[in-house]
PDB file of N, CA and C in Angstrom:
ATOM      1  N   MET A   1      -5.780 -10.016 -10.329  1.00  0.00           N
ATOM      2  CA  MET A   1      -5.096  -8.749 -10.142  1.00  0.00           C
ATOM      3  C   MET A   1      -5.984  -7.824  -9.320  1.00  0.00           C
ATOM      4  N   ALA A   2      -5.380  -7.056  -8.484  1.00  0.00           N
ATOM      5  CA  ALA A   2      -6.118  -6.154  -7.604  1.00  0.00           C
ATOM      6  C   ALA A   2      -6.649  -4.946  -8.382  1.00  0.00           C
ATOM      7  N   ILE A   3      -7.727  -4.391  -7.878  1.00  0.00           N
ATOM      8  CA  ILE A   3      -8.334  -3.209  -8.486  1.00  0.00           C
ATOM      9  C   ILE A   3      -7.946  -2.000  -7.650  1.00  0.00           C
ATOM     10  N   PHE A   4      -7.137  -1.120  -8.215  1.00  0.00           N
ATOM     11  CA  PHE A   4      -6.670   0.050  -7.490  1.00  0.00           C
ATOM     12  C   PHE A   4      -7.355   1.328  -7.933  1.00  0.00           C
ATOM     13  N   ASP A   5      -8.408   1.240  -8.740  1.00  0.00           N
ATOM     14  CA  ASP A   5      -9.107   2.449  -9.156  1.00  0.00           C
ATOM     15  C   ASP A   5     -10.465   2.589  -8.460  1.00  0.00           C
ATOM     16  N   HIS A   6     -10.604   1.966  -7.310  1.00  0.00           N
ATOM     17  CA  HIS A   6     -11.828   2.077  -6.536  1.00  0.00           C
ATOM     18  C   HIS A   6     -11.941   3.499  -5.978  1.00  0.00           C
ATOM     19  N   PRO A   7     -13.150   4.083  -5.960  1.00  0.00           N
ATOM     20  CA  PRO A   7     -13.314   5.455  -5.449  1.00  0.00           C
ATOM     21  C   PRO A   7     -12.876   5.627  -3.991  1.00  0.00           C
ATOM     22  N   MET A   8     -12.892   4.558  -3.213  1.00  0.00           N
ATOM     23  CA  MET A   8     -12.475   4.654  -1.820  1.00  0.00           C
ATOM     24  C   MET A   8     -10.989   5.021  -1.710  1.00  0.00           C
ATOM     25  N   LEU A   9     -10.195   4.676  -2.698  1.00  0.00           N
ATOM     26  CA  LEU A   9      -8.760   4.931  -2.651  1.00  0.00           C
ATOM     27  C   LEU A   9      -8.382   6.319  -3.150  1.00  0.00           C
ATOM     28  N   ARG A  10      -9.353   7.127  -3.490  1.00  0.00           N
ATOM     29  CA  ARG A  10      -9.063   8.465  -3.999  1.00  0.00           C
ATOM     30  C   ARG A  10      -8.423   9.366  -2.947  1.00  0.00           C
ATOM     31  N   PRO A  11      -8.926   9.446  -1.705  1.00  0.00           N
ATOM     32  CA  PRO A  11      -8.271  10.307  -0.704  1.00  0.00           C
ATOM     33  C   PRO A  11      -6.911   9.732  -0.280  1.00  0.00           C
ATOM     34  N   LEU A  12      -5.955  10.618  -0.109  1.00  0.00           N
ATOM     35  CA  LEU A  12      -4.605  10.194   0.264  1.00  0.00           C
ATOM     36  C   LEU A  12      -4.564   9.431   1.589  1.00  0.00           C
ATOM     37  N   PRO A  13      -5.296   9.839   2.636  1.00  0.00           N
ATOM     38  CA  PRO A  13      -5.231   9.075   3.888  1.00  0.00           C
ATOM     39  C   PRO A  13      -5.667   7.617   3.738  1.00  0.00           C
ATOM     40  N   MET A  14      -6.603   7.337   2.863  1.00  0.00           N
ATOM     41  CA  MET A  14      -7.041   5.959   2.656  1.00  0.00           C
ATOM     42  C   MET A  14      -5.958   5.141   1.962  1.00  0.00           C
ATOM     43  N   ARG A  15      -5.095   5.790   1.199  1.00  0.00           N
ATOM     44  CA  ARG A  15      -3.994   5.080   0.552  1.00  0.00           C
ATOM     45  C   ARG A  15      -2.795   4.954   1.486  1.00  0.00           C
ATOM     46  N   LEU A  16      -2.677   5.857   2.443  1.00  0.00           N
ATOM     47  CA  LEU A  16      -1.575   5.792   3.401  1.00  0.00           C
ATOM     48  C   LEU A  16      -1.807   4.749   4.487  1.00  0.00           C
ATOM     49  N   LEU A  17      -3.064   4.485   4.823  1.00  0.00           N
ATOM     50  CA  LEU A  17      -3.379   3.554   5.902  1.00  0.00           C
ATOM     51  C   LEU A  17      -2.746   2.167   5.737  1.00  0.00           C
ATOM     52  N   PRO A  18      -2.854   1.515   4.591  1.00  0.00           N
ATOM     53  CA  PRO A  18      -2.232   0.187   4.484  1.00  0.00           C
ATOM     54  C   PRO A  18      -0.717   0.231   4.645  1.00  0.00           C
ATOM     55  N   VAL A  19      -0.087   1.269   4.113  1.00  0.00           N
ATOM     56  CA  VAL A  19       1.370   1.379   4.212  1.00  0.00           C
ATOM     57  C   VAL A  19       1.778   1.553   5.673  1.00  0.00           C
ATOM     58  N   ILE A  20       1.112   2.456   6.375  1.00  0.00           N
ATOM     59  CA  ILE A  20       1.431   2.710   7.781  1.00  0.00           C
ATOM     60  C   ILE A  20       1.160   1.468   8.631  1.00  0.00           C
ATOM     61  N   PHE A  21       0.047   0.810   8.370  1.00  0.00           N
ATOM     62  CA  PHE A  21      -0.286  -0.391   9.130  1.00  0.00           C
ATOM     63  C   PHE A  21       0.762  -1.487   8.930  1.00  0.00           C
ATOM     64  N   LEU A  22       1.163  -1.717   7.690  1.00  0.00           N
ATOM     65  CA  LEU A  22       2.129  -2.781   7.412  1.00  0.00           C
ATOM     66  C   LEU A  22       3.500  -2.484   8.009  1.00  0.00           C
ATOM     67  N   VAL A  23       3.929  -1.240   7.943  1.00  0.00           N
ATOM     68  CA  VAL A  23       5.212  -0.885   8.552  1.00  0.00           C
ATOM     69  C   VAL A  23       5.122  -1.028  10.070  1.00  0.00           C
ATOM     70  N   GLY A  24       4.013  -0.579  10.642  1.00  0.00           N
ATOM     71  CA  GLY A  24       3.827  -0.722  12.090  1.00  0.00           C
ATOM     72  C   GLY A  24       3.810  -2.173  12.522  1.00  0.00           C
ATOM     73  N   TRP A  25       3.161  -3.012  11.753  1.00  0.00           N
ATOM     74  CA  TRP A  25       3.118  -4.436  12.100  1.00  0.00           C
ATOM     75  C   TRP A  25       4.495  -5.073  11.981  1.00  0.00           C
ATOM     76  N   ALA A  26       5.267  -4.658  10.999  1.00  0.00           N
ATOM     77  CA  ALA A  26       6.629  -5.177  10.854  1.00  0.00           C
ATOM     78  C   ALA A  26       7.491  -4.771  12.045  1.00  0.00           C
ATOM     79  N   VAL A  27       7.341  -3.539  12.504  1.00  0.00           N
ATOM     80  CA  VAL A  27       8.090  -3.091  13.680  1.00  0.00           C
ATOM     81  C   VAL A  27       7.649  -3.878  14.910  1.00  0.00           C
ATOM     82  N   PHE A  28       6.355  -4.097  15.059  1.00  0.00           N
ATOM     83  CA  PHE A  28       5.841  -4.885  16.175  1.00  0.00           C
ATOM     84  C   PHE A  28       6.429  -6.292  16.164  1.00  0.00           C
ATOM     85  N   GLU A  29       6.410  -6.931  15.004  1.00  0.00           N
ATOM     86  CA  GLU A  29       6.950  -8.293  14.887  1.00  0.00           C
ATOM     87  C   GLU A  29       8.438  -8.332  15.236  1.00  0.00           C
ATOM     88  N   ALA A  30       9.182  -7.352  14.757  1.00  0.00           N
ATOM     89  CA  ALA A  30      10.629  -7.357  14.978  1.00  0.00           C
ATOM     90  C   ALA A  30      10.984  -7.040  16.428  1.00  0.00           C
ATOM     91  N   VAL A  31      10.317  -6.059  17.022  1.00  0.00           N
ATOM     92  CA  VAL A  31      10.689  -5.594  18.357  1.00  0.00           C
ATOM     93  C   VAL A  31      10.151  -6.522  19.444  1.00  0.00           C
ATOM     94  N   PHE A  32       8.858  -6.821  19.384  1.00  0.00           N
ATOM     95  CA  PHE A  32       8.234  -7.547  20.480  1.00  0.00           C
ATOM     96  C   PHE A  32       8.282  -9.063  20.330  1.00  0.00           C
ATOM     97  N   LEU A  33       8.323  -9.553  19.117  1.00  0.00           N
ATOM     98  CA  LEU A  33       8.325 -10.994  18.914  1.00  0.00           C
ATOM     99  C   LEU A  33       9.687 -11.520  18.478  1.00  0.00           C
ATOM    100  N   GLY A  34      10.583 -10.632  18.091  1.00  0.00           N
ATOM    101  CA  GLY A  34      11.952 -11.012  17.788  1.00  0.00           C
ATOM    102  C   GLY A  34      12.151 -11.802  16.517  1.00  0.00           C
ATOM    103  N   GLY A  35      11.171 -11.816  15.655  1.00  0.00           N
ATOM    104  CA  GLY A  35      11.324 -12.567  14.409  1.00  0.00           C
ATOM    105  C   GLY A  35      12.037 -11.749  13.350  1.00  0.00           C
ATOM    106  N   ILE A  36      12.391 -12.399  12.260  1.00  0.00           N
ATOM    107  CA  ILE A  36      13.014 -11.705  11.144  1.00  0.00           C
ATOM    108  C   ILE A  36      12.251 -11.954   9.842  1.00  0.00           C
ATOM    109  N   LEU A  37      11.651 -13.133   9.691  1.00  0.00           N
ATOM    110  CA  LEU A  37      10.960 -13.458   8.440  1.00  0.00           C
ATOM    111  C   LEU A  37       9.716 -12.603   8.249  1.00  0.00           C
ATOM    112  N   TRP A  38       8.833 -12.559   9.230  1.00  0.00           N
ATOM    113  CA  TRP A  38       7.596 -11.809   9.090  1.00  0.00           C
ATOM    114  C   TRP A  38       7.816 -10.309   8.926  1.00  0.00           C
ATOM    115  N   PRO A  39       8.737  -9.710   9.670  1.00  0.00           N
ATOM    116  CA  PRO A  39       8.987  -8.282   9.410  1.00  0.00           C
ATOM    117  C   PRO A  39       9.471  -8.008   7.987  1.00  0.00           C
ATOM    118  N   VAL A  40      10.302  -8.880   7.458  1.00  0.00           N
ATOM    119  CA  VAL A  40      10.776  -8.691   6.087  1.00  0.00           C
ATOM    120  C   VAL A  40       9.620  -8.814   5.103  1.00  0.00           C
ATOM    121  N   LEU A  41       8.741  -9.772   5.316  1.00  0.00           N
ATOM    122  CA  LEU A  41       7.581  -9.931   4.434  1.00  0.00           C
ATOM    123  C   LEU A  41       6.635  -8.728   4.516  1.00  0.00           C
ATOM    124  N   PHE A  42       6.411  -8.233   5.726  1.00  0.00           N
ATOM    125  CA  PHE A  42       5.530  -7.081   5.885  1.00  0.00           C
ATOM    126  C   PHE A  42       6.146  -5.814   5.295  1.00  0.00           C
ATOM    127  N   ILE A  43       7.448  -5.653   5.407  1.00  0.00           N
ATOM    128  CA  ILE A  43       8.111  -4.503   4.790  1.00  0.00           C
ATOM    129  C   ILE A  43       8.019  -4.605   3.266  1.00  0.00           C
ATOM    130  N   GLY A  44       8.141  -5.807   2.737  1.00  0.00           N
ATOM    131  CA  GLY A  44       7.971  -6.001   1.295  1.00  0.00           C
ATOM    132  C   GLY A  44       6.564  -5.650   0.840  1.00  0.00           C
ATOM    133  N   ALA A  45       5.564  -6.064   1.613  1.00  0.00           N
ATOM    134  CA  ALA A  45       4.178  -5.725   1.283  1.00  0.00           C
ATOM    135  C   ALA A  45       3.951  -4.221   1.387  1.00  0.00           C
ATOM    136  N   ALA A  46       4.559  -3.588   2.385  1.00  0.00           N
ATOM    137  CA  ALA A  46       4.431  -2.135   2.544  1.00  0.00           C
ATOM    138  C   ALA A  46       5.087  -1.410   1.371  1.00  0.00           C
ATOM    139  N   ALA A  47       6.225  -1.914   0.924  1.00  0.00           N
ATOM    140  CA  ALA A  47       6.903  -1.295  -0.218  1.00  0.00           C
ATOM    141  C   ALA A  47       6.047  -1.409  -1.476  1.00  0.00           C
ATOM    142  N   TYR A  48       5.421  -2.566  -1.669  1.00  0.00           N
ATOM    143  CA  TYR A  48       4.537  -2.741  -2.823  1.00  0.00           C
ATOM    144  C   TYR A  48       3.332  -1.799  -2.734  1.00  0.00           C
ATOM    145  N   CYS A  49       2.731  -1.721  -1.549  1.00  0.00           N
ATOM    146  CA  CYS A  49       1.590  -0.819  -1.365  1.00  0.00           C
ATOM    147  C   CYS A  49       1.990   0.631  -1.597  1.00  0.00           C
ATOM    148  N   TYR A  50       3.160   1.014  -1.105  1.00  0.00           N
ATOM    149  CA  TYR A  50       3.633   2.382  -1.335  1.00  0.00           C
ATOM    150  C   TYR A  50       3.785   2.637  -2.831  1.00  0.00           C
ATOM    151  N   TYR A  51       4.402   1.718  -3.523  1.00  0.00           N
ATOM    152  CA  TYR A  51       4.654   1.906  -4.950  1.00  0.00           C
ATOM    153  C   TYR A  51       3.343   2.021  -5.731  1.00  0.00           C
ATOM    154  N   VAL A  52       2.392   1.141  -5.435  1.00  0.00           N
ATOM    155  CA  VAL A  52       1.146   1.110  -6.206  1.00  0.00           C
ATOM    156  C   VAL A  52       0.178   2.198  -5.767  1.00  0.00           C
ATOM    157  N   LEU A  53       0.038   2.419  -4.460  1.00  0.00           N
ATOM    158  CA  LEU A  53      -0.995   3.321  -3.958  1.00  0.00           C
ATOM    159  C   LEU A  53      -0.542   4.773  -3.818  1.00  0.00           C
ATOM    160  N   ILE A  54       0.749   5.024  -3.775  1.00  0.00           N
ATOM    161  CA  ILE A  54       1.198   6.395  -3.564  1.00  0.00           C
ATOM    162  C   ILE A  54       2.098   6.866  -4.712  1.00  0.00           C
ATOM    163  N   HIS A  55       3.111   6.098  -5.019  1.00  0.00           N
ATOM    164  CA  HIS A  55       4.107   6.548  -5.990  1.00  0.00           C
ATOM    165  C   HIS A  55       3.554   6.605  -7.414  1.00  0.00           C
ATOM    166  N   THR A  56       2.852   5.569  -7.849  1.00  0.00           N
ATOM    167  CA  THR A  56       2.365   5.512  -9.239  1.00  0.00           C
ATOM    168  C   THR A  56       0.853   5.635  -9.342  1.00  0.00           C
ATOM    169  N   TYR A  57       0.166   6.037  -8.282  1.00  0.00           N
ATOM    170  CA  TYR A  57      -1.302   6.086  -8.283  1.00  0.00           C
ATOM    171  C   TYR A  57      -1.804   7.215  -9.175  1.00  0.00           C
ATOM    172  N   THR A  58      -2.785   6.893 -10.008  1.00  0.00           N
ATOM    173  CA  THR A  58      -3.489   7.877 -10.815  1.00  0.00           C
ATOM    174  C   THR A  58      -4.969   7.761 -10.488  1.00  0.00           C
ATOM    175  N   PRO A  59      -5.603   8.849 -10.050  1.00  0.00           N
ATOM    176  CA  PRO A  59      -7.030   8.772  -9.715  1.00  0.00           C
ATOM    177  C   PRO A  59      -7.862   8.313 -10.913  1.00  0.00           C
ATOM    178  N   PRO A  60      -8.956   7.619 -10.658  1.00  0.00           N
ATOM    179  CA  PRO A  60      -9.769   7.055 -11.750  1.00  0.00           C
ATOM    180  C   PRO A  60     -10.243   8.085 -12.761  1.00  0.00           C
ATOM    181  N   ALA A  61     -10.623   9.283 -12.326  1.00  0.00           N
ATOM    182  CA  ALA A  61     -11.156  10.288 -13.264  1.00  0.00           C
ATOM    183  C   ALA A  61     -10.073  10.844 -14.169  1.00  0.00           C
ATOM    184  N   GLU A  62      -8.808  10.758 -13.785  1.00  0.00           N
ATOM    185  CA  GLU A  62      -7.740  11.325 -14.585  1.00  0.00           C
ATOM    186  C   GLU A  62      -7.128  10.333 -15.556  1.00  0.00           C
ATOM    187  N   LYS A  63      -7.550   9.094 -15.498  1.00  0.00           N
ATOM    188  CA  LYS A  63      -7.016   8.091 -16.420  1.00  0.00           C
ATOM    189  C   LYS A  63      -7.579   8.333 -17.821  1.00  0.00           C
ATOM    190  N   ALA A  64      -6.787   8.031 -18.810  1.00  0.00           N
ATOM    191  CA  ALA A  64      -7.245   8.145 -20.185  1.00  0.00           C
ATOM    192  C   ALA A  64      -8.258   7.063 -20.479  1.00  0.00           C
ATOM    193  N   SER A  65      -9.273   7.414 -21.239  1.00  0.00           N
ATOM    194  CA  SER A  65     -10.293   6.416 -21.552  1.00  0.00           C
ATOM    195  C   SER A  65      -9.743   5.423 -22.568  1.00  0.00           C
ATOM    196  N   LYS A  66     -10.260   4.203 -22.534  1.00  0.00           N
ATOM    197  CA  LYS A  66      -9.783   3.144 -23.428  1.00  0.00           C
ATOM    198  C   LYS A  66     -10.384   3.292 -24.830  1.00  0.00           C
ATOM    199  N   ASP A  67     -11.439   4.116 -24.958  1.00  0.00           N
ATOM    200  CA  ASP A  67     -12.081   4.289 -26.242  1.00  0.00           C
ATOM    201  C   ASP A  67     -11.288   5.212 -27.168  1.00  0.00           C
ATOM    202  N   ALA A  68     -10.443   6.043 -26.616  1.00  0.00           N
ATOM    203  CA  ALA A  68      -9.736   7.039 -27.422  1.00  0.00           C
ATOM    204  C   ALA A  68      -8.593   6.423 -28.194  1.00  0.00           C
TER     205      ALA A  68
END
C-alpha cells in the first residue's frame, strides 16, 4: 500500500502535480497517438490520485494518534 502521509505531499502543488501530469498524458495519448486504452487508464489513475491526494487527504500532523 502506498504511503500518502509523507511530508513532501503536504503542500497542495505537490499533490496537484501527479493529477495534472496524468490528465495531460491522457490528452497527449488520445490526441496525438489516437489510442483509447491508454488514455482511459491514465484518466483512471488521475481520478484515483485526485481522490486520495486532494479529496480525502489529511495532513500528517492533523491525523489522530493511534495511541488515543
